[in-house]
PDB file of N, CA and C in Angstrom:
ATOM      1  N   MET A   1       0.850  -1.172   0.000  1.00  0.00           N
ATOM      2  CA  MET A   1       0.000   0.000   0.000  1.00  0.00           C
ATOM      3  C   MET A   1       0.895   1.234   0.000  1.00  0.00           C
ATOM      4  N   ASN A   2       0.594   2.172  -0.878  1.00  0.00           N
ATOM      5  CA  ASN A   2       1.363   3.408  -0.918  1.00  0.00           C
ATOM      6  C   ASN A   2       0.583   4.540  -0.235  1.00  0.00           C
ATOM      7  N   ILE A   3       1.189   5.702  -0.167  1.00  0.00           N
ATOM      8  CA  ILE A   3       0.574   6.847   0.516  1.00  0.00           C
ATOM      9  C   ILE A   3      -0.766   7.210  -0.110  1.00  0.00           C
ATOM     10  N   SER A   4      -0.855   7.160  -1.430  1.00  0.00           N
ATOM     11  CA  SER A   4      -2.108   7.494  -2.109  1.00  0.00           C
ATOM     12  C   SER A   4      -3.225   6.528  -1.709  1.00  0.00           C
ATOM     13  N   ASP A   5      -2.919   5.228  -1.648  1.00  0.00           N
ATOM     14  CA  ASP A   5      -3.914   4.233  -1.235  1.00  0.00           C
ATOM     15  C   ASP A   5      -4.373   4.485   0.195  1.00  0.00           C
ATOM     16  N   LEU A   6      -3.434   4.789   1.062  1.00  0.00           N
ATOM     17  CA  LEU A   6      -3.757   5.058   2.458  1.00  0.00           C
ATOM     18  C   LEU A   6      -4.659   6.288   2.584  1.00  0.00           C
ATOM     19  N   TYR A   7      -4.332   7.331   1.847  1.00  0.00           N
ATOM     20  CA  TYR A   7      -5.164   8.542   1.862  1.00  0.00           C
ATOM     21  C   TYR A   7      -6.582   8.227   1.381  1.00  0.00           C
ATOM     22  N   ASN A   8      -6.689   7.475   0.278  1.00  0.00           N
ATOM     23  CA  ASN A   8      -8.007   7.154  -0.277  1.00  0.00           C
ATOM     24  C   ASN A   8      -8.859   6.367   0.715  1.00  0.00           C
ATOM     25  N   LYS A   9      -8.248   5.472   1.473  1.00  0.00           N
ATOM     26  CA  LYS A   9      -8.994   4.727   2.487  1.00  0.00           C
ATOM     27  C   LYS A   9      -9.393   5.649   3.636  1.00  0.00           C
ATOM     28  N   THR A  10      -8.507   6.561   4.013  1.00  0.00           N
ATOM     29  CA  THR A  10      -8.785   7.468   5.116  1.00  0.00           C
ATOM     30  C   THR A  10     -10.004   8.342   4.837  1.00  0.00           C
ATOM     31  N   VAL A  11     -10.155   8.783   3.603  1.00  0.00           N
ATOM     32  CA  VAL A  11     -11.281   9.651   3.254  1.00  0.00           C
ATOM     33  C   VAL A  11     -12.453   8.867   2.661  1.00  0.00           C
ATOM     34  N   ALA A  12     -12.364   7.538   2.724  1.00  0.00           N
ATOM     35  CA  ALA A  12     -13.432   6.656   2.223  1.00  0.00           C
ATOM     36  C   ALA A  12     -13.808   6.999   0.786  1.00  0.00           C
ATOM     37  N   GLU A  13     -12.784   7.141  -0.057  1.00  0.00           N
ATOM     38  CA  GLU A  13     -13.000   7.544  -1.444  1.00  0.00           C
ATOM     39  C   GLU A  13     -13.969   6.626  -2.196  1.00  0.00           C
ATOM     40  N   LYS A  14     -13.990   5.341  -1.877  1.00  0.00           N
ATOM     41  CA  LYS A  14     -14.868   4.411  -2.588  1.00  0.00           C
ATOM     42  C   LYS A  14     -16.285   4.396  -2.027  1.00  0.00           C
ATOM     43  N   GLY A  15     -16.494   5.093  -0.925  1.00  0.00           N
ATOM     44  CA  GLY A  15     -17.839   5.231  -0.397  1.00  0.00           C
ATOM     45  C   GLY A  15     -18.091   4.478   0.893  1.00  0.00           C
ATOM     46  N   LEU A  16     -19.280   4.702   1.406  1.00  0.00           N
ATOM     47  CA  LEU A  16     -19.713   4.127   2.674  1.00  0.00           C
ATOM     48  C   LEU A  16     -21.071   3.477   2.483  1.00  0.00           C
ATOM     49  N   VAL A  17     -21.359   2.515   3.344  1.00  0.00           N
ATOM     50  CA  VAL A  17     -22.684   1.910   3.399  1.00  0.00           C
ATOM     51  C   VAL A  17     -23.124   1.940   4.855  1.00  0.00           C
ATOM     52  N   VAL A  18     -24.305   2.466   5.111  1.00  0.00           N
ATOM     53  CA  VAL A  18     -24.849   2.477   6.466  1.00  0.00           C
ATOM     54  C   VAL A  18     -25.763   1.270   6.609  1.00  0.00           C
ATOM     55  N   GLY A  19     -25.504   0.469   7.625  1.00  0.00           N
ATOM     56  CA  GLY A  19     -26.328  -0.702   7.883  1.00  0.00           C
ATOM     57  C   GLY A  19     -27.056  -0.543   9.201  1.00  0.00           C
ATOM     58  N   SER A  20     -28.210  -1.186   9.285  1.00  0.00           N
ATOM     59  CA  SER A  20     -28.958  -1.127  10.537  1.00  0.00           C
ATOM     60  C   SER A  20     -29.840  -2.354  10.690  1.00  0.00           C
ATOM     61  N   ASN A  21     -30.163  -2.627  11.933  1.00  0.00           N
ATOM     62  CA  ASN A  21     -31.056  -3.720  12.294  1.00  0.00           C
ATOM     63  C   ASN A  21     -30.581  -5.042  11.699  1.00  0.00           C
ATOM     64  N   THR A  22     -31.477  -5.846  11.188  1.00  0.00           N
ATOM     65  CA  THR A  22     -31.122  -7.187  10.723  1.00  0.00           C
ATOM     66  C   THR A  22     -30.874  -7.238   9.212  1.00  0.00           C
ATOM     67  N   GLU A  23     -30.619  -6.097   8.603  1.00  0.00           N
ATOM     68  CA  GLU A  23     -30.316  -6.014   7.174  1.00  0.00           C
ATOM     69  C   GLU A  23     -29.014  -6.754   6.876  1.00  0.00           C
ATOM     70  N   SER A  24     -29.028  -7.616   5.863  1.00  0.00           N
ATOM     71  CA  SER A  24     -27.807  -8.309   5.425  1.00  0.00           C
ATOM     72  C   SER A  24     -27.153  -7.506   4.312  1.00  0.00           C
ATOM     73  N   ILE A  25     -25.855  -7.292   4.431  1.00  0.00           N
ATOM     74  CA  ILE A  25     -25.115  -6.517   3.437  1.00  0.00           C
ATOM     75  C   ILE A  25     -23.904  -7.329   2.997  1.00  0.00           C
ATOM     76  N   ALA A  26     -23.709  -7.419   1.685  1.00  0.00           N
ATOM     77  CA  ALA A  26     -22.549  -8.114   1.129  1.00  0.00           C
ATOM     78  C   ALA A  26     -21.795  -7.167   0.210  1.00  0.00           C
ATOM     79  N   GLY A  27     -20.490  -7.359   0.117  1.00  0.00           N
ATOM     80  CA  GLY A  27     -19.659  -6.522  -0.739  1.00  0.00           C
ATOM     81  C   GLY A  27     -18.214  -6.654  -0.328  1.00  0.00           C
ATOM     82  N   SER A  28     -17.440  -5.667  -0.698  1.00  0.00           N
ATOM     83  CA  SER A  28     -16.023  -5.635  -0.358  1.00  0.00           C
ATOM     84  C   SER A  28     -15.762  -4.397   0.496  1.00  0.00           C
ATOM     85  N   PHE A  29     -15.451  -4.619   1.765  1.00  0.00           N
ATOM     86  CA  PHE A  29     -15.265  -3.538   2.729  1.00  0.00           C
ATOM     87  C   PHE A  29     -13.957  -3.749   3.492  1.00  0.00           C
ATOM     88  N   TYR A  30     -13.351  -2.649   3.970  1.00  0.00           N
ATOM     89  CA  TYR A  30     -12.125  -2.782   4.736  1.00  0.00           C
ATOM     90  C   TYR A  30     -12.298  -2.434   6.213  1.00  0.00           C
ATOM     91  N   ALA A  31     -13.456  -1.891   6.592  1.00  0.00           N
ATOM     92  CA  ALA A  31     -13.677  -1.559   8.004  1.00  0.00           C
ATOM     93  C   ALA A  31     -15.165  -1.470   8.290  1.00  0.00           C
ATOM     94  N   ILE A  32     -15.497  -1.730   9.541  1.00  0.00           N
ATOM     95  CA  ILE A  32     -16.858  -1.548  10.018  1.00  0.00           C
ATOM     96  C   ILE A  32     -16.785  -0.743  11.314  1.00  0.00           C
ATOM     97  N   HIS A  33     -17.578   0.326  11.376  1.00  0.00           N
ATOM     98  CA  HIS A  33     -17.580   1.246  12.520  1.00  0.00           C
ATOM     99  C   HIS A  33     -18.945   1.135  13.196  1.00  0.00           C
ATOM    100  N   CYS A  34     -18.950   0.702  14.426  1.00  0.00           N
ATOM    101  CA  CYS A  34     -20.206   0.536  15.169  1.00  0.00           C
ATOM    102  C   CYS A  34     -20.685   1.894  15.689  1.00  0.00           C
ATOM    103  N   LEU A  35     -21.861   2.311  15.257  1.00  0.00           N
ATOM    104  CA  LEU A  35     -22.450   3.560  15.736  1.00  0.00           C
ATOM    105  C   LEU A  35     -23.194   3.354  17.047  1.00  0.00           C
ATOM    106  N   THR A  36     -23.715   2.156  17.235  1.00  0.00           N
ATOM    107  CA  THR A  36     -24.358   1.752  18.486  1.00  0.00           C
ATOM    108  C   THR A  36     -23.633   0.506  18.976  1.00  0.00           C
ATOM    109  N   ASP A  37     -23.911   0.057  20.171  1.00  0.00           N
ATOM    110  CA  ASP A  37     -23.415  -1.252  20.572  1.00  0.00           C
ATOM    111  C   ASP A  37     -23.955  -2.250  19.561  1.00  0.00           C
ATOM    112  N   CYS A  38     -23.090  -3.114  19.034  1.00  0.00           N
ATOM    113  CA  CYS A  38     -23.486  -4.046  17.972  1.00  0.00           C
ATOM    114  C   CYS A  38     -23.207  -5.490  18.370  1.00  0.00           C
ATOM    115  N   THR A  39     -24.121  -6.354  17.988  1.00  0.00           N
ATOM    116  CA  THR A  39     -23.933  -7.796  18.094  1.00  0.00           C
ATOM    117  C   THR A  39     -24.218  -8.358  16.706  1.00  0.00           C
ATOM    118  N   PHE A  40     -23.177  -8.866  16.056  1.00  0.00           N
ATOM    119  CA  PHE A  40     -23.316  -9.358  14.691  1.00  0.00           C
ATOM    120  C   PHE A  40     -23.733 -10.824  14.692  1.00  0.00           C
ATOM    121  N   THR A  41     -24.705 -11.144  13.842  1.00  0.00           N
ATOM    122  CA  THR A  41     -25.108 -12.535  13.670  1.00  0.00           C
ATOM    123  C   THR A  41     -24.338 -13.162  12.514  1.00  0.00           C
ATOM    124  N   THR A  42     -23.871 -12.309  11.596  1.00  0.00           N
ATOM    125  CA  THR A  42     -22.965 -12.713  10.524  1.00  0.00           C
ATOM    126  C   THR A  42     -21.895 -11.634  10.402  1.00  0.00           C
ATOM    127  N   LEU A  43     -20.645 -12.036  10.373  1.00  0.00           N
ATOM    128  CA  LEU A  43     -19.551 -11.096  10.128  1.00  0.00           C
ATOM    129  C   LEU A  43     -18.414 -11.895   9.501  1.00  0.00           C
ATOM    130  N   ASN A  44     -18.375 -11.885   8.163  1.00  0.00           N
ATOM    131  CA  ASN A  44     -17.361 -12.644   7.438  1.00  0.00           C
ATOM    132  C   ASN A  44     -16.166 -11.767   7.115  1.00  0.00           C
ATOM    133  N   ILE A  45     -15.020 -12.145   7.672  1.00  0.00           N
ATOM    134  CA  ILE A  45     -13.767 -11.423   7.467  1.00  0.00           C
ATOM    135  C   ILE A  45     -12.721 -12.431   7.013  1.00  0.00           C
ATOM    136  N   SER A  46     -12.076 -12.158   5.863  1.00  0.00           N
ATOM    137  CA  SER A  46     -11.042 -13.054   5.347  1.00  0.00           C
ATOM    138  C   SER A  46      -9.911 -13.207   6.349  1.00  0.00           C
ATOM    139  N   ASN A  47      -9.418 -14.420   6.477  1.00  0.00           N
ATOM    140  CA  ASN A  47      -8.267 -14.754   7.322  1.00  0.00           C
ATOM    141  C   ASN A  47      -8.486 -14.482   8.804  1.00  0.00           C
ATOM    142  N   LEU A  48      -9.742 -14.435   9.233  1.00  0.00           N
ATOM    143  CA  LEU A  48     -10.042 -14.267  10.655  1.00  0.00           C
ATOM    144  C   LEU A  48     -10.002 -15.630  11.332  1.00  0.00           C
ATOM    145  N   THR A  49      -9.219 -15.737  12.381  1.00  0.00           N
ATOM    146  CA  THR A  49      -9.197 -16.949  13.187  1.00  0.00           C
ATOM    147  C   THR A  49     -10.175 -16.747  14.327  1.00  0.00           C
ATOM    148  N   GLY A  50     -11.147 -17.631  14.462  1.00  0.00           N
ATOM    149  CA  GLY A  50     -12.170 -17.471  15.481  1.00  0.00           C
ATOM    150  C   GLY A  50     -13.389 -16.790  14.902  1.00  0.00           C
ATOM    151  N   SER A  51     -14.207 -16.225  15.765  1.00  0.00           N
ATOM    152  CA  SER A  51     -15.456 -15.610  15.339  1.00  0.00           C
ATOM    153  C   SER A  51     -15.778 -14.389  16.193  1.00  0.00           C
ATOM    154  N   LEU A  52     -16.368 -13.390  15.563  1.00  0.00           N
ATOM    155  CA  LEU A  52     -16.834 -12.201  16.278  1.00  0.00           C
ATOM    156  C   LEU A  52     -18.350 -12.162  16.373  1.00  0.00           C
ATOM    157  N   THR A  53     -19.024 -13.204  15.880  1.00  0.00           N
ATOM    158  CA  THR A  53     -20.474 -13.228  15.948  1.00  0.00           C
ATOM    159  C   THR A  53     -20.929 -13.543  17.371  1.00  0.00           C
ATOM    160  N   GLY A  54     -22.014 -12.902  17.762  1.00  0.00           N
ATOM    161  CA  GLY A  54     -22.571 -13.128  19.085  1.00  0.00           C
ATOM    162  C   GLY A  54     -21.868 -12.389  20.209  1.00  0.00           C
ATOM    163  N   ILE A  55     -20.873 -11.588  19.870  1.00  0.00           N
ATOM    164  CA  ILE A  55     -20.118 -10.820  20.866  1.00  0.00           C
ATOM    165  C   ILE A  55     -20.621  -9.376  20.854  1.00  0.00           C
ATOM    166  N   ASP A  56     -20.845  -8.792  22.017  1.00  0.00           N
ATOM    167  CA  ASP A  56     -21.250  -7.389  22.101  1.00  0.00           C
ATOM    168  C   ASP A  56     -20.029  -6.504  21.845  1.00  0.00           C
ATOM    169  N   ILE A  57     -20.114  -5.681  20.803  1.00  0.00           N
ATOM    170  CA  ILE A  57     -19.029  -4.770  20.448  1.00  0.00           C
ATOM    171  C   ILE A  57     -19.502  -3.354  20.732  1.00  0.00           C
ATOM    172  N   GLN A  58     -18.708  -2.620  21.500  1.00  0.00           N
ATOM    173  CA  GLN A  58     -19.103  -1.287  21.961  1.00  0.00           C
ATOM    174  C   GLN A  58     -19.256  -0.286  20.833  1.00  0.00           C
ATOM    175  N   ALA A  59     -20.191   0.647  21.014  1.00  0.00           N
ATOM    176  CA  ALA A  59     -20.353   1.765  20.089  1.00  0.00           C
ATOM    177  C   ALA A  59     -19.026   2.513  19.986  1.00  0.00           C
ATOM    178  N   GLY A  60     -18.668   2.913  18.785  1.00  0.00           N
ATOM    179  CA  GLY A  60     -17.414   3.629  18.550  1.00  0.00           C
ATOM    180  C   GLY A  60     -16.279   2.711  18.128  1.00  0.00           C
ATOM    181  N   SER A  61     -16.453   1.406  18.288  1.00  0.00           N
ATOM    182  CA  SER A  61     -15.413   0.451  17.895  1.00  0.00           C
ATOM    183  C   SER A  61     -15.322   0.362  16.372  1.00  0.00           C
ATOM    184  N   ILE A  62     -14.097   0.164  15.884  1.00  0.00           N
ATOM    185  CA  ILE A  62     -13.860  -0.029  14.457  1.00  0.00           C
ATOM    186  C   ILE A  62     -13.112  -1.344  14.298  1.00  0.00           C
ATOM    187  N   ILE A  63     -13.613  -2.186  13.395  1.00  0.00           N
ATOM    188  CA  ILE A  63     -12.972  -3.466  13.094  1.00  0.00           C
ATOM    189  C   ILE A  63     -12.450  -3.385  11.666  1.00  0.00           C
ATOM    190  N   TYR A  64     -11.174  -3.702  11.484  1.00  0.00           N
ATOM    191  CA  TYR A  64     -10.549  -3.659  10.168  1.00  0.00           C
ATOM    192  C   TYR A  64     -10.333  -5.070   9.638  1.00  0.00           C
ATOM    193  N   GLY A  65     -10.411  -5.224   8.335  1.00  0.00           N
ATOM    194  CA  GLY A  65     -10.153  -6.504   7.693  1.00  0.00           C
ATOM    195  C   GLY A  65     -10.856  -6.533   6.352  1.00  0.00           C
ATOM    196  N   LYS A  66     -10.672  -7.635   5.626  1.00  0.00           N
ATOM    197  CA  LYS A  66     -11.369  -7.810   4.345  1.00  0.00           C
ATOM    198  C   LYS A  66     -12.737  -8.391   4.649  1.00  0.00           C
ATOM    199  N   ILE A  67     -13.716  -7.500   4.818  1.00  0.00           N
ATOM    200  CA  ILE A  67     -15.067  -7.863   5.223  1.00  0.00           C
ATOM    201  C   ILE A  67     -15.902  -8.101   3.961  1.00  0.00           C
ATOM    202  N   THR A  68     -16.605  -9.243   3.927  1.00  0.00           N
ATOM    203  CA  THR A  68     -17.395  -9.568   2.742  1.00  0.00           C
ATOM    204  C   THR A  68     -18.899  -9.621   2.999  1.00  0.00           C
ATOM    205  N   SER A  69     -19.325  -9.842   4.240  1.00  0.00           N
ATOM    206  CA  SER A  69     -20.761  -9.812   4.529  1.00  0.00           C
ATOM    207  C   SER A  69     -20.999  -9.561   6.010  1.00  0.00           C
ATOM    208  N   VAL A  70     -22.130  -8.890   6.270  1.00  0.00           N
ATOM    209  CA  VAL A  70     -22.473  -8.471   7.631  1.00  0.00           C
ATOM    210  C   VAL A  70     -23.983  -8.575   7.832  1.00  0.00           C
ATOM    211  N   THR A  71     -24.366  -9.066   8.982  1.00  0.00           N
ATOM    212  CA  THR A  71     -25.742  -8.974   9.469  1.00  0.00           C
ATOM    213  C   THR A  71     -25.647  -8.710  10.960  1.00  0.00           C
ATOM    214  N   ALA A  72     -26.367  -7.725  11.431  1.00  0.00           N
ATOM    215  CA  ALA A  72     -26.342  -7.385  12.851  1.00  0.00           C
ATOM    216  C   ALA A  72     -27.691  -7.706  13.484  1.00  0.00           C
ATOM    217  N   SER A  73     -27.763  -7.519  14.771  1.00  0.00           N
ATOM    218  CA  SER A  73     -29.001  -7.735  15.511  1.00  0.00           C
ATOM    219  C   SER A  73     -29.905  -6.510  15.392  1.00  0.00           C
ATOM    220  N   ASN A  74     -31.117  -6.643  15.857  1.00  0.00           N
ATOM    221  CA  ASN A  74     -32.084  -5.555  15.834  1.00  0.00           C
ATOM    222  C   ASN A  74     -31.575  -4.359  16.646  1.00  0.00           C
ATOM    223  N   ASN A  75     -31.890  -3.158  16.206  1.00  0.00           N
ATOM    224  CA  ASN A  75     -31.504  -1.900  16.865  1.00  0.00           C
ATOM    225  C   ASN A  75     -29.998  -1.634  16.846  1.00  0.00           C
ATOM    226  N   ASN A  76     -29.251  -2.249  15.920  1.00  0.00           N
ATOM    227  CA  ASN A  76     -27.829  -1.992  15.742  1.00  0.00           C
ATOM    228  C   ASN A  76     -27.640  -1.099  14.519  1.00  0.00           C
ATOM    229  N   SER A  77     -26.674  -0.184  14.580  1.00  0.00           N
ATOM    230  CA  SER A  77     -26.351   0.683  13.449  1.00  0.00           C
ATOM    231  C   SER A  77     -24.835   0.725  13.275  1.00  0.00           C
ATOM    232  N   TYR A  78     -24.380   0.722  12.025  1.00  0.00           N
ATOM    233  CA  TYR A  78     -22.945   0.699  11.744  1.00  0.00           C
ATOM    234  C   TYR A  78     -22.676   1.279  10.363  1.00  0.00           C
ATOM    235  N   ILE A  79     -21.417   1.605  10.122  1.00  0.00           N
ATOM    236  CA  ILE A  79     -20.974   2.093   8.813  1.00  0.00           C
ATOM    237  C   ILE A  79     -19.939   1.119   8.273  1.00  0.00           C
ATOM    238  N   LEU A  80     -20.098   0.728   7.012  1.00  0.00           N
ATOM    239  CA  LEU A  80     -19.109  -0.099   6.321  1.00  0.00           C
ATOM    240  C   LEU A  80     -18.342   0.799   5.357  1.00  0.00           C
ATOM    241  N   TYR A  81     -17.023   0.669   5.362  1.00  0.00           N
ATOM    242  CA  TYR A  81     -16.163   1.441   4.458  1.00  0.00           C
ATOM    243  C   TYR A  81     -15.813   0.579   3.264  1.00  0.00           C
ATOM    244  N   LYS A  82     -16.222   1.020   2.067  1.00  0.00           N
ATOM    245  CA  LYS A  82     -15.968   0.255   0.845  1.00  0.00           C
ATOM    246  C   LYS A  82     -14.486   0.246   0.521  1.00  0.00           C
ATOM    247  N   GLY A  83     -14.036  -0.902   0.043  1.00  0.00           N
ATOM    248  CA  GLY A  83     -12.626  -0.960  -0.299  1.00  0.00           C
ATOM    249  C   GLY A  83     -12.301  -2.212  -0.969  1.00  0.00           C
TER     250      GLY A  83
END
């Protein structure tokens, strides 16, 4: 990754997706930012050892990785960064 790539990710040049409740979202993302406390029922991240599903993640937390699909619990809100 060069400086230009890093800058483009920092400003979310490829865009954002806002997810909420039990909506399933698929795509290519590099980060997920929890706007509320989130409990994911599906969270597919390439090369992740273990699982983050069913774990309460605090509002304000950001998870980085090659994220391909997400489903959260009811009353959860988050932002996915396209990448």
